[in-house]
Amino acid sequence: DVYSSITNDVVASQGFSEDRKLLQVIL
């Protein structure tokens, strides 16, 4: 429970607005 709560938080990477990989995977 504690591990998942910490690791599931979304800490967007610096420069995330240029992250086309995220678009390729999720969009």
PDB file of all heavy atoms in Angstrom:
ATOM      1  N   ASP A   1       0.828  -1.213   0.000  1.00  0.00           N
ATOM      2  CA  ASP A   1       0.000   0.000   0.000  1.00  0.00           C
ATOM      3  C   ASP A   1       0.860   1.260   0.000  1.00  0.00           C
ATOM      4  O   ASP A   1       0.614   2.192  -0.771  1.00  0.00           O
ATOM      5  CB  ASP A   1      -0.920   0.012   1.226  1.00  0.00           C
ATOM      6  CG  ASP A   1      -2.042  -1.008   1.120  1.00  0.00           C
ATOM      7  OD1 ASP A   1      -2.262  -1.534   0.015  1.00  0.00           O
ATOM      8  OD2 ASP A   1      -2.683  -1.285   2.161  1.00  0.00           O
ATOM      9  N   VAL A   2       1.874   1.307   0.852  1.00  0.00           N
ATOM     10  CA  VAL A   2       2.719   2.504   0.946  1.00  0.00           C
ATOM     11  C   VAL A   2       3.584   2.643  -0.297  1.00  0.00           C
ATOM     12  O   VAL A   2       3.710   3.738  -0.866  1.00  0.00           O
ATOM     13  CB  VAL A   2       3.585   2.456   2.222  1.00  0.00           C
ATOM     14  CG1 VAL A   2       4.552   3.641   2.263  1.00  0.00           C
ATOM     15  CG2 VAL A   2       2.696   2.464   3.461  1.00  0.00           C
ATOM     16  N   TYR A   3       4.182   1.539  -0.732  1.00  0.00           N
ATOM     17  CA  TYR A   3       5.008   1.561  -1.946  1.00  0.00           C
ATOM     18  C   TYR A   3       4.192   2.051  -3.141  1.00  0.00           C
ATOM     19  O   TYR A   3       4.636   2.921  -3.909  1.00  0.00           O
ATOM     20  CB  TYR A   3       5.560   0.157  -2.216  1.00  0.00           C
ATOM     21  CG  TYR A   3       6.418   0.046  -3.458  1.00  0.00           C
ATOM     22  CD1 TYR A   3       7.798   0.187  -3.390  1.00  0.00           C
ATOM     23  CD2 TYR A   3       5.844  -0.218  -4.705  1.00  0.00           C
ATOM     24  CE1 TYR A   3       8.592   0.072  -4.524  1.00  0.00           C
ATOM     25  CE2 TYR A   3       6.623  -0.331  -5.840  1.00  0.00           C
ATOM     26  CZ  TYR A   3       8.000  -0.184  -5.740  1.00  0.00           C
ATOM     27  OH  TYR A   3       8.769  -0.287  -6.883  1.00  0.00           O
ATOM     28  N   SER A   4       2.998   1.519  -3.319  1.00  0.00           N
ATOM     29  CA  SER A   4       2.160   1.885  -4.462  1.00  0.00           C
ATOM     30  C   SER A   4       1.729   3.340  -4.386  1.00  0.00           C
ATOM     31  O   SER A   4       1.691   4.040  -5.405  1.00  0.00           O
ATOM     32  CB  SER A   4       0.921   0.977  -4.525  1.00  0.00           C
ATOM     33  OG  SER A   4       1.299  -0.367  -4.709  1.00  0.00           O
ATOM     34  N   SER A   5       1.400   3.810  -3.195  1.00  0.00           N
ATOM     35  CA  SER A   5       0.983   5.194  -3.040  1.00  0.00           C
ATOM     36  C   SER A   5       2.088   6.155  -3.448  1.00  0.00           C
ATOM     37  O   SER A   5       1.831   7.192  -4.076  1.00  0.00           O
ATOM     38  CB  SER A   5       0.567   5.463  -1.589  1.00  0.00           C
ATOM     39  OG  SER A   5       0.178   6.801  -1.415  1.00  0.00           O
ATOM     40  N   ILE A   6       3.327   5.817  -3.115  1.00  0.00           N
ATOM     41  CA  ILE A   6       4.465   6.669  -3.468  1.00  0.00           C
ATOM     42  C   ILE A   6       4.766   6.587  -4.960  1.00  0.00           C
ATOM     43  O   ILE A   6       4.933   7.604  -5.639  1.00  0.00           O
ATOM     44  CB  ILE A   6       5.705   6.269  -2.647  1.00  0.00           C
ATOM     45  CG1 ILE A   6       5.496   6.610  -1.169  1.00  0.00           C
ATOM     46  CG2 ILE A   6       6.968   6.964  -3.186  1.00  0.00           C
ATOM     47  CD1 ILE A   6       6.559   6.040  -0.255  1.00  0.00           C
ATOM     48  N   THR A   7       4.829   5.379  -5.487  1.00  0.00           N
ATOM     49  CA  THR A   7       5.273   5.203  -6.875  1.00  0.00           C
ATOM     50  C   THR A   7       4.184   5.519  -7.897  1.00  0.00           C
ATOM     51  O   THR A   7       4.496   5.763  -9.061  1.00  0.00           O
ATOM     52  CB  THR A   7       5.787   3.771  -7.102  1.00  0.00           C
ATOM     53  OG1 THR A   7       4.751   2.834  -6.779  1.00  0.00           O
ATOM     54  CG2 THR A   7       6.997   3.496  -6.214  1.00  0.00           C
ATOM     55  N   ASN A   8       2.919   5.528  -7.480  1.00  0.00           N
ATOM     56  CA  ASN A   8       1.838   5.866  -8.407  1.00  0.00           C
ATOM     57  C   ASN A   8       1.624   7.361  -8.580  1.00  0.00           C
ATOM     58  O   ASN A   8       0.906   7.782  -9.492  1.00  0.00           O
ATOM     59  CB  ASN A   8       0.520   5.219  -7.950  1.00  0.00           C
ATOM     60  CG  ASN A   8       0.489   3.727  -8.210  1.00  0.00           C
ATOM     61  OD1 ASN A   8       1.254   3.207  -9.023  1.00  0.00           O
ATOM     62  ND2 ASN A   8      -0.382   3.020  -7.509  1.00  0.00           N
ATOM     63  N   ASP A   9       2.210   8.160  -7.704  1.00  0.00           N
ATOM     64  CA  ASP A   9       2.128   9.606  -7.894  1.00  0.00           C
ATOM     65  C   ASP A   9       2.757   9.968  -9.231  1.00  0.00           C
ATOM     66  O   ASP A   9       3.742   9.355  -9.667  1.00  0.00           O
ATOM     67  CB  ASP A   9       2.850  10.343  -6.762  1.00  0.00           C
ATOM     68  CG  ASP A   9       2.049  10.341  -5.468  1.00  0.00           C
ATOM     69  OD1 ASP A   9       0.828  10.108  -5.527  1.00  0.00           O
ATOM     70  OD2 ASP A   9       2.646  10.563  -4.403  1.00  0.00           O
ATOM     71  N   VAL A  10       2.178  10.970  -9.889  1.00  0.00           N
ATOM     72  CA  VAL A  10       2.642  11.356 -11.216  1.00  0.00           C
ATOM     73  C   VAL A  10       3.552  12.578 -11.073  1.00  0.00           C
ATOM     74  O   VAL A  10       3.086  13.701 -10.872  1.00  0.00           O
ATOM     75  CB  VAL A  10       1.465  11.685 -12.158  1.00  0.00           C
ATOM     76  CG1 VAL A  10       1.979  12.020 -13.558  1.00  0.00           C
ATOM     77  CG2 VAL A  10       0.475  10.527 -12.203  1.00  0.00           C
ATOM     78  N   VAL A  11       4.853  12.343 -11.132  1.00  0.00           N
ATOM     79  CA  VAL A  11       5.826  13.433 -11.110  1.00  0.00           C
ATOM     80  C   VAL A  11       6.271  13.630 -12.558  1.00  0.00           C
ATOM     81  O   VAL A  11       7.136  12.912 -13.063  1.00  0.00           O
ATOM     82  CB  VAL A  11       7.026  13.110 -10.192  1.00  0.00           C
ATOM     83  CG1 VAL A  11       7.991  14.294 -10.137  1.00  0.00           C
ATOM     84  CG2 VAL A  11       6.539  12.755  -8.787  1.00  0.00           C
ATOM     85  N   ALA A  12       5.636  14.589 -13.233  1.00  0.00           N
ATOM     86  CA  ALA A  12       5.886  14.788 -14.662  1.00  0.00           C
ATOM     87  C   ALA A  12       7.338  15.193 -14.880  1.00  0.00           C
ATOM     88  O   ALA A  12       7.851  16.089 -14.205  1.00  0.00           O
ATOM     89  CB  ALA A  12       4.949  15.854 -15.220  1.00  0.00           C
ATOM     90  N   SER A  13       7.996  14.541 -15.812  1.00  0.00           N
ATOM     91  CA  SER A  13       9.412  14.811 -16.056  1.00  0.00           C
ATOM     92  C   SER A  13       9.618  16.233 -16.550  1.00  0.00           C
ATOM     93  O   SER A  13       8.730  16.834 -17.170  1.00  0.00           O
ATOM     94  CB  SER A  13       9.964  13.827 -17.086  1.00  0.00           C
ATOM     95  OG  SER A  13       9.267  13.957 -18.315  1.00  0.00           O
ATOM     96  N   GLN A  14      10.784  16.805 -16.251  1.00  0.00           N
ATOM     97  CA  GLN A  14      11.101  18.120 -16.787  1.00  0.00           C
ATOM     98  C   GLN A  14      11.097  18.041 -18.314  1.00  0.00           C
ATOM     99  O   GLN A  14      11.568  17.094 -18.910  1.00  0.00           O
ATOM    100  CB  GLN A  14      12.462  18.587 -16.280  1.00  0.00           C
ATOM    101  CG  GLN A  14      12.436  19.085 -14.838  1.00  0.00           C
ATOM    102  CD  GLN A  14      13.710  19.798 -14.467  1.00  0.00           C
ATOM    103  OE1 GLN A  14      14.801  19.289 -14.684  1.00  0.00           O
ATOM    104  NE2 GLN A  14      13.580  20.982 -13.894  1.00  0.00           N
ATOM    105  N   GLY A  15      10.518  19.071 -18.914  1.00  0.00           N
ATOM    106  CA  GLY A  15      10.385  19.053 -20.357  1.00  0.00           C
ATOM    107  C   GLY A  15       9.308  18.105 -20.836  1.00  0.00           C
ATOM    108  O   GLY A  15       9.320  17.654 -21.986  1.00  0.00           O
ATOM    109  N   PHE A  16       8.344  17.791 -19.939  1.00  0.00           N
ATOM    110  CA  PHE A  16       7.319  16.803 -20.293  1.00  0.00           C
ATOM    111  C   PHE A  16       6.466  17.251 -21.476  1.00  0.00           C
ATOM    112  O   PHE A  16       5.873  16.426 -22.164  1.00  0.00           O
ATOM    113  CB  PHE A  16       6.408  16.528 -19.087  1.00  0.00           C
ATOM    114  CG  PHE A  16       5.461  17.654 -18.761  1.00  0.00           C
ATOM    115  CD1 PHE A  16       4.178  17.666 -19.269  1.00  0.00           C
ATOM    116  CD2 PHE A  16       5.863  18.701 -17.949  1.00  0.00           C
ATOM    117  CE1 PHE A  16       3.305  18.697 -18.978  1.00  0.00           C
ATOM    118  CE2 PHE A  16       5.002  19.736 -17.652  1.00  0.00           C
ATOM    119  CZ  PHE A  16       3.716  19.736 -18.170  1.00  0.00           C
ATOM    120  N   SER A  17       6.390  18.560 -21.717  1.00  0.00           N
ATOM    121  CA  SER A  17       5.570  19.031 -22.832  1.00  0.00           C
ATOM    122  C   SER A  17       6.157  18.638 -24.184  1.00  0.00           C
ATOM    123  O   SER A  17       5.495  18.750 -25.215  1.00  0.00           O
ATOM    124  CB  SER A  17       5.401  20.553 -22.765  1.00  0.00           C
ATOM    125  OG  SER A  17       6.656  21.215 -22.835  1.00  0.00           O
ATOM    126  N   GLU A  18       7.416  18.174 -24.173  1.00  0.00           N
ATOM    127  CA  GLU A  18       8.043  17.682 -25.402  1.00  0.00           C
ATOM    128  C   GLU A  18       8.047  16.148 -25.469  1.00  0.00           C
ATOM    129  O   GLU A  18       8.670  15.564 -26.344  1.00  0.00           O
ATOM    130  CB  GLU A  18       9.499  18.179 -25.477  1.00  0.00           C
ATOM    131  CG  GLU A  18       9.662  19.681 -25.271  1.00  0.00           C
ATOM    132  CD  GLU A  18       9.045  20.496 -26.393  1.00  0.00           C
ATOM    133  OE1 GLU A  18       8.894  19.949 -27.507  1.00  0.00           O
ATOM    134  OE2 GLU A  18       8.689  21.667 -26.161  1.00  0.00           O
ATOM    135  N   ASP A  19       7.344  15.513 -24.514  1.00  0.00           N
ATOM    136  CA  ASP A  19       7.389  14.058 -24.388  1.00  0.00           C
ATOM    137  C   ASP A  19       6.443  13.402 -25.392  1.00  0.00           C
ATOM    138  O   ASP A  19       5.307  13.062 -25.081  1.00  0.00           O
ATOM    139  CB  ASP A  19       7.026  13.652 -22.956  1.00  0.00           C
ATOM    140  CG  ASP A  19       7.215  12.165 -22.697  1.00  0.00           C
ATOM    141  OD1 ASP A  19       7.676  11.458 -23.622  1.00  0.00           O
ATOM    142  OD2 ASP A  19       6.899  11.706 -21.579  1.00  0.00           O
ATOM    143  N   ARG A  20       6.920  13.231 -26.619  1.00  0.00           N
ATOM    144  CA  ARG A  20       6.092  12.606 -27.645  1.00  0.00           C
ATOM    145  C   ARG A  20       5.899  11.112 -27.378  1.00  0.00           C
ATOM    146  O   ARG A  20       4.950  10.519 -27.889  1.00  0.00           O
ATOM    147  CB  ARG A  20       6.720  12.823 -29.026  1.00  0.00           C
ATOM    148  CG  ARG A  20       6.911  14.293 -29.388  1.00  0.00           C
ATOM    149  CD  ARG A  20       5.604  15.072 -29.272  1.00  0.00           C
ATOM    150  NE  ARG A  20       5.766  16.487 -29.461  1.00  0.00           N
ATOM    151  CZ  ARG A  20       5.633  17.092 -30.625  1.00  0.00           C
ATOM    152  NH1 ARG A  20       5.354  16.397 -31.714  1.00  0.00           N
ATOM    153  NH2 ARG A  20       5.762  18.403 -30.714  1.00  0.00           N
ATOM    154  N   LYS A  21       6.795  10.520 -26.583  1.00  0.00           N
ATOM    155  CA  LYS A  21       6.640   9.097 -26.255  1.00  0.00           C
ATOM    156  C   LYS A  21       5.350   8.864 -25.487  1.00  0.00           C
ATOM    157  O   LYS A  21       4.649   7.865 -25.709  1.00  0.00           O
ATOM    158  CB  LYS A  21       7.841   8.610 -25.443  1.00  0.00           C
ATOM    159  CG  LYS A  21       7.808   7.120 -25.116  1.00  0.00           C
ATOM    160  CD  LYS A  21       9.044   6.679 -24.355  1.00  0.00           C
ATOM    161  CE  LYS A  21       8.981   5.199 -24.021  1.00  0.00           C
ATOM    162  NZ  LYS A  21      10.172   4.745 -23.250  1.00  0.00           N
ATOM    163  N   LEU A  22       5.012   9.793 -24.577  1.00  0.00           N
ATOM    164  CA  LEU A  22       3.768   9.677 -23.824  1.00  0.00           C
ATOM    165  C   LEU A  22       2.574   9.685 -24.766  1.00  0.00           C
ATOM    166  O   LEU A  22       1.623   8.910 -24.601  1.00  0.00           O
ATOM    167  CB  LEU A  22       3.654  10.819 -22.814  1.00  0.00           C
ATOM    168  CG  LEU A  22       2.398  10.821 -21.943  1.00  0.00           C
ATOM    169  CD1 LEU A  22       2.466   9.695 -20.925  1.00  0.00           C
ATOM    170  CD2 LEU A  22       2.237  12.164 -21.226  1.00  0.00           C
ATOM    171  N   LEU A  23       2.622  10.564 -25.763  1.00  0.00           N
ATOM    172  CA  LEU A  23       1.543  10.609 -26.744  1.00  0.00           C
ATOM    173  C   LEU A  23       1.456   9.292 -27.511  1.00  0.00           C
ATOM    174  O   LEU A  23       0.363   8.754 -27.730  1.00  0.00           O
ATOM    175  CB  LEU A  23       1.765  11.768 -27.713  1.00  0.00           C
ATOM    176  CG  LEU A  23       1.684  13.183 -27.135  1.00  0.00           C
ATOM    177  CD1 LEU A  23       2.023  14.214 -28.205  1.00  0.00           C
ATOM    178  CD2 LEU A  23       0.297  13.455 -26.572  1.00  0.00           C
ATOM    179  N   GLN A  24       2.611   8.754 -27.933  1.00  0.00           N
ATOM    180  CA  GLN A  24       2.636   7.509 -28.695  1.00  0.00           C
ATOM    181  C   GLN A  24       2.040   6.353 -27.899  1.00  0.00           C
ATOM    182  O   GLN A  24       1.338   5.503 -28.452  1.00  0.00           O
ATOM    183  CB  GLN A  24       4.074   7.176 -29.101  1.00  0.00           C
ATOM    184  CG  GLN A  24       4.721   8.165 -30.058  1.00  0.00           C
ATOM    185  CD  GLN A  24       4.234   8.005 -31.486  1.00  0.00           C
ATOM    186  OE1 GLN A  24       4.009   6.892 -31.944  1.00  0.00           O
ATOM    187  NE2 GLN A  24       4.060   9.113 -32.180  1.00  0.00           N
ATOM    188  N   VAL A  25       2.284   6.327 -26.604  1.00  0.00           N
ATOM    189  CA  VAL A  25       1.878   5.196 -25.771  1.00  0.00           C
ATOM    190  C   VAL A  25       0.424   5.305 -25.318  1.00  0.00           C
ATOM    191  O   VAL A  25      -0.321   4.319 -25.335  1.00  0.00           O
ATOM    192  CB  VAL A  25       2.811   5.079 -24.541  1.00  0.00           C
ATOM    193  CG1 VAL A  25       2.291   4.021 -23.560  1.00  0.00           C
ATOM    194  CG2 VAL A  25       4.234   4.737 -24.979  1.00  0.00           C
ATOM    195  N   ILE A  26       0.000   6.499 -24.910  1.00  0.00           N
ATOM    196  CA  ILE A  26      -1.287   6.634 -24.217  1.00  0.00           C
ATOM    197  C   ILE A  26      -2.391   7.249 -25.077  1.00  0.00           C
ATOM    198  O   ILE A  26      -3.550   6.851 -24.980  1.00  0.00           O
ATOM    199  CB  ILE A  26      -1.103   7.459 -22.923  1.00  0.00           C
ATOM    200  CG1 ILE A  26      -0.138   6.725 -21.980  1.00  0.00           C
ATOM    201  CG2 ILE A  26      -2.434   7.702 -22.221  1.00  0.00           C
ATOM    202  CD1 ILE A  26       0.142   7.448 -20.697  1.00  0.00           C
ATOM    203  N   LEU A  27      -2.049   8.209 -25.930  1.00  0.00           N
ATOM    204  CA  LEU A  27      -3.087   8.927 -26.666  1.00  0.00           C
ATOM    205  C   LEU A  27      -3.954   8.022 -27.547  1.00  0.00           C
ATOM    206  O   LEU A  27      -5.178   8.241 -27.622  1.00  0.00           O
ATOM    207  CB  LEU A  27      -2.468  10.061 -27.486  1.00  0.00           C
ATOM    208  CG  LEU A  27      -3.446  11.032 -28.160  1.00  0.00           C
ATOM    209  CD1 LEU A  27      -4.435  11.613 -27.157  1.00  0.00           C
ATOM    210  CD2 LEU A  27      -2.684  12.148 -28.878  1.00  0.00           C
TER     211      LEU A  27
END
